[in-house]
Amino acid sequence: MARENLSLGFLCFLLFMAVCNSSRDSTIWGGQKRGIVTRTWCVANPFLGDDELQKAIDYYCNGQGVVDCRVIRPGGPCFLPNTVQEHASVVFDFYYKAHNGQSSFCPNHVAGLTIDNPSHGSCIYP
């Protein structure tokens, strides 16, 4: 039952992200359609538990070699707040940006794209 609720919550999250992303793709100026350049960030799914997010962090920090995970270690600019959710968002976004922001590199099983810049304090998301 809990897994079904989690799956339903994640499905709602993905639907919300898809609607947000599709609504920003273009606009009308004087009857002419023009693309809008909007930055996106890849952030952790807020409905997932710490265990699943930690497994993903471990995978991207230890197995991929693309993400410099020192930024989420003690003393790093993105260590605080010291939560698995926050650290996962940093790791996922750095991985996504290391692949030129290609949506296929935002791991959709644990994350989604947002147009809200998650940077805070000394932790600047690229």
N, C-alpha and C. Protein backbone atom coordinates (compact mmCIF):
# COMPACT_ATOMS: atom_id res chain seq x y z
N MET A 1 0.82 -1.19 0.00
CA MET A 1 0.00 0.00 0.00
C MET A 1 0.87 1.25 0.00
N ALA A 2 1.91 1.26 0.85
CA ALA A 2 2.79 2.44 0.92
C ALA A 2 3.52 2.62 -0.40
N ARG A 3 3.91 1.53 -1.02
CA ARG A 3 4.62 1.62 -2.30
C ARG A 3 3.71 2.19 -3.38
N GLU A 4 2.39 1.80 -3.34
CA GLU A 4 1.43 2.35 -4.30
C GLU A 4 1.27 3.86 -4.09
N ASN A 5 1.20 4.30 -2.83
CA ASN A 5 1.09 5.73 -2.54
C ASN A 5 2.33 6.47 -3.01
N LEU A 6 3.50 5.87 -2.81
CA LEU A 6 4.74 6.48 -3.25
C LEU A 6 4.77 6.58 -4.77
N SER A 7 4.35 5.52 -5.45
CA SER A 7 4.31 5.53 -6.91
C SER A 7 3.34 6.56 -7.43
N LEU A 8 2.18 6.67 -6.81
CA LEU A 8 1.19 7.67 -7.21
C LEU A 8 1.73 9.08 -6.97
N GLY A 9 2.40 9.29 -5.85
CA GLY A 9 2.99 10.60 -5.55
C GLY A 9 4.06 10.96 -6.57
N PHE A 10 4.90 10.02 -6.94
CA PHE A 10 5.95 10.27 -7.91
C PHE A 10 5.36 10.53 -9.28
N LEU A 11 4.30 9.80 -9.64
CA LEU A 11 3.63 10.03 -10.91
C LEU A 11 3.06 11.44 -10.96
N CYS A 12 2.46 11.89 -9.86
CA CYS A 12 1.94 13.27 -9.80
C CYS A 12 3.08 14.27 -9.93
N PHE A 13 4.19 14.01 -9.28
CA PHE A 13 5.37 14.88 -9.38
C PHE A 13 5.84 14.97 -10.82
N LEU A 14 5.96 13.84 -11.52
CA LEU A 14 6.41 13.84 -12.91
C LEU A 14 5.43 14.57 -13.82
N LEU A 15 4.12 14.37 -13.57
CA LEU A 15 3.11 15.06 -14.36
C LEU A 15 3.22 16.57 -14.16
N PHE A 16 3.39 16.99 -12.91
CA PHE A 16 3.57 18.41 -12.61
C PHE A 16 4.80 18.96 -13.34
N MET A 17 5.91 18.23 -13.31
CA MET A 17 7.13 18.68 -13.96
C MET A 17 6.93 18.75 -15.47
N ALA A 18 6.22 17.80 -16.05
CA ALA A 18 5.99 17.82 -17.50
C ALA A 18 5.14 19.01 -17.90
N VAL A 19 4.12 19.31 -17.12
CA VAL A 19 3.28 20.47 -17.42
C VAL A 19 4.08 21.75 -17.31
N CYS A 20 4.88 21.87 -16.26
CA CYS A 20 5.71 23.07 -16.09
C CYS A 20 6.69 23.21 -17.24
N ASN A 21 7.32 22.13 -17.63
CA ASN A 21 8.31 22.20 -18.69
C ASN A 21 7.68 22.47 -20.06
N SER A 22 6.52 21.90 -20.33
CA SER A 22 5.92 22.11 -21.65
C SER A 22 5.36 23.51 -21.78
N SER A 23 4.93 24.14 -20.70
CA SER A 23 4.34 25.47 -20.79
C SER A 23 5.37 26.56 -21.01
N ARG A 24 6.65 26.27 -20.84
CA ARG A 24 7.66 27.31 -20.99
C ARG A 24 8.41 27.22 -22.31
N ASP A 25 8.04 26.26 -23.15
CA ASP A 25 8.82 26.03 -24.37
C ASP A 25 8.70 27.13 -25.40
N SER A 26 7.59 27.81 -25.46
CA SER A 26 7.45 28.83 -26.48
C SER A 26 6.47 29.90 -26.03
N THR A 27 6.48 30.99 -26.76
CA THR A 27 5.56 32.09 -26.50
C THR A 27 5.22 32.75 -27.83
N ILE A 28 4.22 33.59 -27.82
CA ILE A 28 3.80 34.29 -29.03
C ILE A 28 4.18 35.76 -28.90
N TRP A 29 4.92 36.28 -29.87
CA TRP A 29 5.29 37.70 -29.93
C TRP A 29 4.82 38.22 -31.27
N GLY A 30 3.82 39.11 -31.27
CA GLY A 30 3.33 39.68 -32.52
C GLY A 30 2.89 38.63 -33.52
N GLY A 31 2.28 37.56 -33.02
CA GLY A 31 1.79 36.51 -33.89
C GLY A 31 2.86 35.52 -34.32
N GLN A 32 4.09 35.74 -33.87
CA GLN A 32 5.18 34.86 -34.27
C GLN A 32 5.63 34.03 -33.06
N LYS A 33 5.76 32.75 -33.24
CA LYS A 33 6.17 31.87 -32.16
C LYS A 33 7.68 31.90 -32.03
N ARG A 34 8.17 32.16 -30.83
CA ARG A 34 9.61 32.17 -30.57
C ARG A 34 9.91 31.32 -29.34
N GLY A 35 11.03 30.65 -29.37
CA GLY A 35 11.42 29.83 -28.23
C GLY A 35 11.92 30.70 -27.09
N ILE A 36 11.68 30.25 -25.88
CA ILE A 36 12.17 30.93 -24.69
C ILE A 36 13.34 30.14 -24.16
N VAL A 37 14.42 30.81 -23.86
CA VAL A 37 15.56 30.13 -23.27
C VAL A 37 15.38 30.19 -21.76
N THR A 38 15.05 29.08 -21.16
CA THR A 38 14.83 29.00 -19.73
C THR A 38 15.78 27.96 -19.16
N ARG A 39 16.47 28.33 -18.12
CA ARG A 39 17.38 27.38 -17.48
C ARG A 39 16.58 26.36 -16.70
N THR A 40 17.10 25.16 -16.65
CA THR A 40 16.47 24.09 -15.88
C THR A 40 17.49 23.45 -14.96
N TRP A 41 16.99 22.88 -13.90
CA TRP A 41 17.82 22.17 -12.92
C TRP A 41 17.18 20.82 -12.66
N CYS A 42 18.01 19.85 -12.41
CA CYS A 42 17.56 18.49 -12.11
C CYS A 42 17.62 18.30 -10.60
N VAL A 43 16.48 18.08 -9.97
CA VAL A 43 16.42 17.96 -8.51
C VAL A 43 15.78 16.65 -8.08
N ALA A 44 16.10 16.25 -6.87
CA ALA A 44 15.60 14.99 -6.32
C ALA A 44 14.08 15.01 -6.15
N ASN A 45 13.49 13.86 -6.38
CA ASN A 45 12.06 13.70 -6.16
C ASN A 45 11.77 13.83 -4.66
N PRO A 46 10.93 14.79 -4.27
CA PRO A 46 10.66 15.01 -2.84
C PRO A 46 9.85 13.90 -2.20
N PHE A 47 9.29 13.00 -2.99
CA PHE A 47 8.46 11.93 -2.46
C PHE A 47 9.22 10.63 -2.18
N LEU A 48 10.50 10.60 -2.54
CA LEU A 48 11.30 9.39 -2.31
C LEU A 48 11.94 9.42 -0.93
N GLY A 49 12.17 8.25 -0.40
CA GLY A 49 12.82 8.13 0.89
C GLY A 49 14.32 8.30 0.80
N ASP A 50 14.93 8.55 1.94
CA ASP A 50 16.37 8.76 2.01
C ASP A 50 17.17 7.56 1.51
N ASP A 51 16.70 6.36 1.79
CA ASP A 51 17.45 5.15 1.38
C ASP A 51 17.62 5.08 -0.13
N GLU A 52 16.53 5.32 -0.87
CA GLU A 52 16.60 5.25 -2.33
C GLU A 52 17.47 6.38 -2.89
N LEU A 53 17.32 7.58 -2.32
CA LEU A 53 18.13 8.71 -2.77
C LEU A 53 19.61 8.48 -2.46
N GLN A 54 19.91 7.91 -1.29
CA GLN A 54 21.30 7.66 -0.92
C GLN A 54 21.94 6.65 -1.87
N LYS A 55 21.19 5.64 -2.28
CA LYS A 55 21.72 4.67 -3.25
C LYS A 55 22.08 5.38 -4.56
N ALA A 56 21.23 6.31 -4.98
CA ALA A 56 21.50 7.05 -6.21
C ALA A 56 22.72 7.95 -6.04
N ILE A 57 22.83 8.60 -4.90
CA ILE A 57 24.02 9.44 -4.63
C ILE A 57 25.27 8.59 -4.71
N ASP A 58 25.25 7.44 -4.06
CA ASP A 58 26.41 6.55 -4.08
C ASP A 58 26.76 6.13 -5.51
N TYR A 59 25.75 5.84 -6.30
CA TYR A 59 25.98 5.44 -7.69
C TYR A 59 26.66 6.56 -8.47
N TYR A 60 26.13 7.77 -8.40
CA TYR A 60 26.68 8.88 -9.18
C TYR A 60 28.00 9.40 -8.63
N CYS A 61 28.21 9.24 -7.34
CA CYS A 61 29.47 9.71 -6.76
C CYS A 61 30.59 8.69 -6.88
N ASN A 62 30.26 7.43 -6.88
CA ASN A 62 31.29 6.39 -6.89
C ASN A 62 31.44 5.70 -8.24
N GLY A 63 30.38 5.61 -9.01
CA GLY A 63 30.44 4.82 -10.22
C GLY A 63 30.58 5.59 -11.51
N GLN A 64 30.18 6.84 -11.53
CA GLN A 64 30.14 7.57 -12.79
C GLN A 64 31.39 8.42 -13.05
N GLY A 65 31.99 8.95 -12.00
CA GLY A 65 33.20 9.73 -12.16
C GLY A 65 33.02 11.10 -12.79
N VAL A 66 31.79 11.50 -13.10
CA VAL A 66 31.51 12.77 -13.74
C VAL A 66 31.25 13.87 -12.70
N VAL A 67 30.70 13.48 -11.57
CA VAL A 67 30.30 14.44 -10.54
C VAL A 67 31.39 14.56 -9.48
N ASP A 68 31.77 15.80 -9.19
CA ASP A 68 32.72 16.04 -8.09
C ASP A 68 31.92 16.14 -6.81
N CYS A 69 31.82 15.03 -6.10
CA CYS A 69 30.97 14.96 -4.92
C CYS A 69 31.60 15.58 -3.68
N ARG A 70 32.77 16.14 -3.81
CA ARG A 70 33.36 16.85 -2.67
C ARG A 70 32.51 18.04 -2.25
N VAL A 71 31.69 18.56 -3.16
CA VAL A 71 30.85 19.72 -2.83
C VAL A 71 29.81 19.40 -1.77
N ILE A 72 29.44 18.11 -1.60
CA ILE A 72 28.45 17.74 -0.58
C ILE A 72 29.08 17.11 0.66
N ARG A 73 30.38 17.05 0.70
CA ARG A 73 31.09 16.52 1.87
C ARG A 73 31.28 17.63 2.91
N PRO A 74 31.54 17.28 4.16
CA PRO A 74 31.76 18.31 5.19
C PRO A 74 32.81 19.33 4.72
N GLY A 75 32.48 20.59 4.86
CA GLY A 75 33.36 21.66 4.43
C GLY A 75 33.12 22.11 3.00
N GLY A 76 32.38 21.32 2.23
CA GLY A 76 32.06 21.68 0.85
C GLY A 76 30.97 22.74 0.79
N PRO A 77 30.89 23.47 -0.30
CA PRO A 77 29.92 24.56 -0.40
C PRO A 77 28.46 24.11 -0.39
N CYS A 78 28.20 22.84 -0.67
CA CYS A 78 26.82 22.34 -0.69
C CYS A 78 26.57 21.28 0.40
N PHE A 79 27.41 21.28 1.43
CA PHE A 79 27.20 20.31 2.52
C PHE A 79 25.95 20.66 3.34
N LEU A 80 25.72 21.94 3.58
CA LEU A 80 24.56 22.38 4.36
C LEU A 80 23.46 22.86 3.43
N PRO A 81 22.23 22.53 3.68
CA PRO A 81 21.78 21.70 4.79
C PRO A 81 22.17 20.23 4.56
N ASN A 82 22.55 19.60 5.62
CA ASN A 82 23.05 18.24 5.57
C ASN A 82 21.88 17.25 5.55
N THR A 83 21.21 17.17 4.40
CA THR A 83 20.11 16.23 4.23
C THR A 83 20.35 15.41 2.96
N VAL A 84 19.86 14.21 2.96
CA VAL A 84 20.00 13.34 1.79
C VAL A 84 19.28 13.97 0.60
N GLN A 85 18.11 14.54 0.83
CA GLN A 85 17.33 15.18 -0.23
C GLN A 85 18.14 16.28 -0.91
N GLU A 86 18.74 17.15 -0.12
CA GLU A 86 19.52 18.27 -0.66
C GLU A 86 20.77 17.77 -1.38
N HIS A 87 21.47 16.84 -0.78
CA HIS A 87 22.68 16.30 -1.40
C HIS A 87 22.35 15.60 -2.73
N ALA A 88 21.23 14.88 -2.74
CA ALA A 88 20.82 14.20 -3.97
C ALA A 88 20.54 15.21 -5.09
N SER A 89 19.86 16.30 -4.75
CA SER A 89 19.57 17.32 -5.76
C SER A 89 20.85 17.90 -6.34
N VAL A 90 21.83 18.15 -5.49
CA VAL A 90 23.11 18.70 -5.97
C VAL A 90 23.78 17.70 -6.91
N VAL A 91 23.87 16.46 -6.51
CA VAL A 91 24.53 15.43 -7.31
C VAL A 91 23.81 15.24 -8.64
N PHE A 92 22.47 15.13 -8.60
CA PHE A 92 21.72 14.92 -9.84
C PHE A 92 21.90 16.10 -10.79
N ASP A 93 21.87 17.32 -10.25
CA ASP A 93 22.00 18.48 -11.13
C ASP A 93 23.41 18.58 -11.72
N PHE A 94 24.42 18.28 -10.93
CA PHE A 94 25.79 18.32 -11.46
C PHE A 94 25.97 17.28 -12.56
N TYR A 95 25.37 16.10 -12.38
CA TYR A 95 25.42 15.05 -13.40
C TYR A 95 24.71 15.52 -14.68
N TYR A 96 23.53 16.09 -14.50
CA TYR A 96 22.74 16.62 -15.61
C TYR A 96 23.51 17.71 -16.36
N LYS A 97 24.13 18.63 -15.64
CA LYS A 97 24.87 19.72 -16.27
C LYS A 97 26.17 19.21 -16.92
N ALA A 98 26.76 18.16 -16.36
CA ALA A 98 27.97 17.58 -16.96
C ALA A 98 27.67 17.00 -18.34
N HIS A 99 26.41 16.73 -18.59
CA HIS A 99 25.97 16.21 -19.89
C HIS A 99 25.19 17.27 -20.65
N ASN A 100 25.61 18.53 -20.49
CA ASN A 100 25.05 19.66 -21.24
C ASN A 100 23.56 19.85 -21.07
N GLY A 101 23.02 19.49 -19.92
CA GLY A 101 21.61 19.71 -19.65
C GLY A 101 20.66 18.92 -20.52
N GLN A 102 21.11 17.77 -21.00
CA GLN A 102 20.24 16.90 -21.79
C GLN A 102 19.28 16.20 -20.84
N SER A 103 17.98 16.34 -21.09
CA SER A 103 16.98 15.82 -20.15
C SER A 103 17.13 14.33 -19.88
N SER A 104 17.68 13.59 -20.82
CA SER A 104 17.86 12.15 -20.60
C SER A 104 18.89 11.86 -19.51
N PHE A 105 19.67 12.88 -19.10
CA PHE A 105 20.66 12.70 -18.04
C PHE A 105 20.17 13.22 -16.69
N CYS A 106 18.90 13.53 -16.59
CA CYS A 106 18.27 13.79 -15.29
C CYS A 106 17.58 12.48 -14.94
N PRO A 107 18.12 11.73 -13.98
CA PRO A 107 17.63 10.37 -13.73
C PRO A 107 16.17 10.35 -13.28
N ASN A 108 15.26 10.14 -14.23
CA ASN A 108 13.83 10.31 -13.96
C ASN A 108 13.24 9.34 -12.95
N HIS A 109 13.95 8.29 -12.60
CA HIS A 109 13.43 7.38 -11.58
C HIS A 109 13.61 7.95 -10.17
N VAL A 110 14.45 8.97 -10.03
CA VAL A 110 14.68 9.57 -8.71
C VAL A 110 14.66 11.10 -8.73
N ALA A 111 14.48 11.70 -9.91
CA ALA A 111 14.58 13.16 -10.02
C ALA A 111 13.66 13.69 -11.10
N GLY A 112 13.60 15.00 -11.18
CA GLY A 112 12.81 15.67 -12.21
C GLY A 112 13.40 17.05 -12.49
N LEU A 113 12.97 17.65 -13.58
CA LEU A 113 13.47 18.97 -13.95
C LEU A 113 12.58 20.06 -13.36
N THR A 114 13.21 21.16 -13.00
CA THR A 114 12.49 22.32 -12.49
C THR A 114 13.06 23.58 -13.13
N ILE A 115 12.26 24.64 -13.16
CA ILE A 115 12.74 25.93 -13.66
C ILE A 115 13.07 26.86 -12.48
N ASP A 116 12.87 26.38 -11.26
CA ASP A 116 13.19 27.16 -10.06
C ASP A 116 14.63 26.86 -9.64
N ASN A 117 15.45 27.89 -9.63
CA ASN A 117 16.86 27.72 -9.28
C ASN A 117 16.98 27.30 -7.81
N PRO A 118 17.54 26.11 -7.55
CA PRO A 118 17.65 25.61 -6.17
C PRO A 118 18.88 26.13 -5.42
N SER A 119 19.67 27.00 -6.04
CA SER A 119 20.88 27.53 -5.37
C SER A 119 20.50 28.21 -4.06
N HIS A 120 21.42 28.12 -3.10
CA HIS A 120 21.19 28.76 -1.79
C HIS A 120 22.54 28.97 -1.12
N GLY A 121 22.69 30.10 -0.47
CA GLY A 121 23.93 30.38 0.25
C GLY A 121 25.15 30.18 -0.62
N SER A 122 26.09 29.36 -0.13
CA SER A 122 27.32 29.11 -0.88
C SER A 122 27.17 28.00 -1.90
N CYS A 123 26.02 27.36 -1.94
CA CYS A 123 25.78 26.26 -2.87
C CYS A 123 25.12 26.80 -4.13
N ILE A 124 25.95 27.00 -5.15
CA ILE A 124 25.47 27.54 -6.42
C ILE A 124 25.34 26.40 -7.44
N TYR A 125 24.13 26.16 -7.85
CA TYR A 125 23.89 25.16 -8.89
C TYR A 125 24.27 25.77 -10.23
N PRO A 126 24.99 25.05 -11.07
CA PRO A 126 25.39 25.62 -12.37
C PRO A 126 24.19 25.91 -13.26
